[in-house]
Amino acid sequence: MDHHQTLSNRTAQIISGLNLQPHPEGGYFRESYRSKGFIHSQGINENFIGERNFSTAIYFLLTYDVFSAFHRILQDEIWHFYDGSPLSLHIISPEGEYSQTIIGREIDRGEIPQFVVPGGSWFGATVIRENDFSLLGCTVAPGFDFRDFELASYNDLLQKFPQHAEIIRKLTRI
């Protein structure tokens, strides 16, 4: 039985209704926006190769039994909460500082509906409520390109940040 068949009806309906596909970091996604305008790499900075759209956005759905593995991109990424369980976003800055932010709608409980992950930070995510899902949107500017994406390996990240061994073990697959 594939994972899609074990999802709750509501989760499966959202995946189907939004036409989401499996994401390399875990979960499901679909690009929902890509600006028509472009920025040439010399107009951004030396880390970008080639041109980028001004901005991109995706739908992103994560389930309780699947984590979003540690990865990083060059750009800042804005996370927007839409539905389901609050999500725990785990971040390791380039300097090695670990932080955790809860993205959700219950502001009185310390959750926030929108959060910016600084470009160059390693980050991953987990759904907080058991047997639930989190539906979010992610916006990136300059626009996302897989040339800007790096999936962390356990050994490489552990070597850089041994003080965070426990969370690295939980949020890496390779």
Protein backbone atom coordinates (compact mmCIF):
# COMPACT_ATOMS: atom_id res chain seq x y z
CA MET A 1 0.00 0.00 0.00
CA ASP A 2 1.51 3.34 -0.96
CA HIS A 3 1.61 6.25 1.50
CA HIS A 4 -1.08 8.18 -0.40
CA GLN A 5 -3.60 5.40 0.37
CA THR A 6 -2.91 5.59 4.12
CA LEU A 7 -3.70 9.31 4.32
CA SER A 8 -6.92 10.53 5.89
CA ASN A 9 -9.72 11.31 3.45
CA ARG A 10 -9.40 15.04 4.14
CA THR A 11 -5.65 15.03 3.53
CA ALA A 12 -6.04 12.98 0.35
CA GLN A 13 -8.76 15.38 -0.86
CA ILE A 14 -6.48 18.39 -0.30
CA ILE A 15 -3.59 16.69 -2.13
CA SER A 16 -5.88 15.79 -5.00
CA GLY A 17 -7.81 19.09 -5.04
CA LEU A 18 -4.65 21.20 -5.11
CA ASN A 19 -2.89 18.73 -7.46
CA LEU A 20 0.07 18.37 -5.08
CA GLN A 21 3.04 16.15 -5.93
CA PRO A 22 5.72 14.56 -3.70
CA HIS A 23 8.47 17.01 -2.67
CA PRO A 24 12.16 15.92 -2.50
CA GLU A 25 12.44 17.17 1.12
CA GLY A 26 9.26 15.30 2.19
CA GLY A 27 5.57 16.13 1.97
CA TYR A 28 3.69 17.39 -1.08
CA PHE A 29 3.80 20.61 -3.07
CA ARG A 30 2.72 22.48 -6.16
CA GLU A 31 3.98 25.75 -7.48
CA SER A 32 1.06 28.18 -7.42
CA TYR A 33 2.80 31.32 -8.67
CA ARG A 34 5.86 32.29 -10.71
CA SER A 35 6.25 35.94 -11.66
CA LYS A 36 6.64 36.74 -15.33
CA GLY A 37 9.46 39.20 -14.68
CA PHE A 38 13.10 38.22 -14.26
CA ILE A 39 16.15 39.43 -12.38
CA HIS A 40 19.53 38.82 -14.03
CA SER A 41 22.11 37.20 -11.75
CA GLN A 42 24.31 40.32 -11.76
CA GLY A 43 21.32 42.16 -10.25
CA ILE A 44 21.05 39.72 -7.30
CA ASN A 45 24.45 38.64 -5.93
CA GLU A 46 27.40 36.40 -6.76
CA ASN A 47 25.76 33.28 -5.22
CA PHE A 48 23.12 33.05 -7.97
CA ILE A 49 23.94 31.58 -11.37
CA GLY A 50 21.60 32.65 -14.17
CA GLU A 51 18.42 34.66 -13.98
CA ARG A 52 15.57 34.22 -11.50
CA ASN A 53 11.92 35.18 -11.54
CA PHE A 54 11.08 38.05 -9.20
CA SER A 55 9.10 35.71 -6.92
CA THR A 56 7.57 32.23 -6.64
CA ALA A 57 5.04 30.61 -4.31
CA ILE A 58 4.04 27.02 -3.55
CA TYR A 59 1.42 25.12 -1.62
CA PHE A 60 3.14 22.74 0.82
CA LEU A 61 1.46 19.94 2.76
CA LEU A 62 3.20 17.85 5.38
CA THR A 63 1.74 14.90 7.31
CA TYR A 64 2.50 13.84 10.88
CA ASP A 65 4.33 10.68 9.81
CA VAL A 66 6.63 12.47 7.32
CA PHE A 67 9.10 15.25 8.12
CA SER A 68 10.50 17.97 5.92
CA ALA A 69 14.21 17.17 5.89
CA PHE A 70 16.87 19.75 6.65
CA HIS A 71 17.63 21.74 3.52
CA ARG A 72 18.61 25.26 2.60
CA ILE A 73 18.14 27.71 -0.20
CA LEU A 74 19.92 30.96 -1.04
CA GLN A 75 16.83 33.14 -0.64
CA ASP A 76 14.68 34.07 2.33
CA GLU A 77 11.57 31.88 2.42
CA ILE A 78 8.28 33.12 3.88
CA TRP A 79 6.05 30.40 5.36
CA HIS A 80 2.28 31.06 5.57
CA PHE A 81 -0.07 28.84 7.62
CA TYR A 82 -3.38 27.78 6.00
CA ASP A 83 -4.94 24.71 7.62
CA GLY A 84 -4.51 21.65 9.84
CA SER A 85 -2.08 21.16 12.69
CA PRO A 86 0.44 23.77 13.77
CA LEU A 87 3.85 23.05 12.29
CA SER A 88 7.21 23.14 14.07
CA LEU A 89 9.89 24.79 11.94
CA HIS A 90 13.45 23.84 12.99
CA ILE A 91 16.25 26.18 11.90
CA ILE A 92 20.03 26.06 12.19
CA SER A 93 21.61 29.38 11.22
CA PRO A 94 24.88 29.47 9.22
CA GLU A 95 26.57 30.34 12.56
CA GLY A 96 25.15 27.19 14.18
CA GLU A 97 22.35 28.68 16.30
CA TYR A 98 19.31 26.40 16.60
CA SER A 99 15.80 27.83 16.88
CA GLN A 100 12.29 26.45 16.69
CA THR A 101 9.18 28.36 15.62
CA ILE A 102 5.60 27.15 15.76
CA ILE A 103 3.58 28.21 12.72
CA GLY A 104 -0.16 28.10 13.28
CA ARG A 105 -3.25 30.17 13.88
CA GLU A 106 -3.48 30.12 17.69
CA ILE A 107 -1.63 33.35 18.35
CA ASP A 108 -2.66 33.34 22.04
CA ARG A 109 -0.66 30.08 22.40
CA GLY A 110 2.48 31.58 20.88
CA GLU A 111 1.90 30.34 17.34
CA ILE A 112 2.47 32.70 14.44
CA PRO A 113 0.73 32.48 11.04
CA GLN A 114 3.73 33.68 9.01
CA PHE A 115 7.48 33.32 9.44
CA VAL A 116 10.59 34.16 7.39
CA VAL A 117 13.46 31.66 7.24
CA PRO A 118 16.63 33.61 6.40
CA GLY A 119 18.41 32.52 3.23
CA GLY A 120 21.37 30.19 3.85
CA SER A 121 19.84 28.69 7.02
CA TRP A 122 19.29 24.95 7.30
CA PHE A 123 15.64 24.21 8.05
CA GLY A 124 13.18 21.34 8.31
CA ALA A 125 9.68 20.90 9.68
CA THR A 126 7.41 18.53 11.58
CA VAL A 127 3.64 18.40 12.09
CA ILE A 128 2.80 18.78 15.77
CA ARG A 129 -0.58 17.03 16.15
CA GLU A 130 -0.52 13.25 15.80
CA ASN A 131 -2.26 11.81 12.72
CA ASP A 132 -2.79 15.28 11.26
CA PHE A 133 -1.43 17.43 8.43
CA SER A 134 -0.24 21.01 7.97
CA LEU A 135 -1.11 22.98 4.84
CA LEU A 136 1.09 25.99 4.24
CA GLY A 137 2.29 28.30 1.53
CA CYS A 138 5.91 29.22 0.92
CA THR A 139 6.96 32.37 -0.93
CA VAL A 140 10.49 32.96 -2.20
CA ALA A 141 12.09 36.07 -3.69
CA PRO A 142 14.09 36.04 -5.90
CA GLY A 143 12.06 33.15 -7.27
CA PHE A 144 12.91 29.57 -6.41
CA ASP A 145 15.12 27.48 -8.68
CA PHE A 146 16.39 23.99 -7.77
CA ARG A 147 19.93 25.31 -8.43
CA ASP A 148 19.46 27.19 -5.14
CA PHE A 149 18.31 24.08 -3.18
CA GLU A 150 20.57 21.83 -1.09
CA LEU A 151 19.32 18.81 0.86
CA ALA A 152 21.43 18.16 3.98
CA SER A 153 23.17 14.88 4.60
CA TYR A 154 23.33 13.61 8.17
CA ASN A 155 27.13 13.30 8.18
CA ASP A 156 27.83 16.73 6.68
CA LEU A 157 25.41 18.57 8.95
CA LEU A 158 26.56 16.64 12.04
CA GLN A 159 30.19 17.51 11.26
CA LYS A 160 29.31 21.23 11.02
CA PHE A 161 26.98 21.31 14.03
CA PRO A 162 27.69 18.39 16.41
CA GLN A 163 25.89 20.25 19.23
CA HIS A 164 22.60 19.66 17.36
CA ALA A 165 23.05 15.91 16.81
CA GLU A 166 19.60 14.92 18.10
CA ILE A 167 17.54 17.19 15.79
CA ILE A 168 19.88 16.50 12.85
CA ARG A 169 19.31 12.75 13.33
CA LYS A 170 15.52 13.29 13.36
CA LEU A 171 15.38 15.54 10.28
CA THR A 172 17.79 14.00 7.76
CA ARG A 173 17.26 11.06 5.39
CA ILE A 174 20.63 10.77 3.67
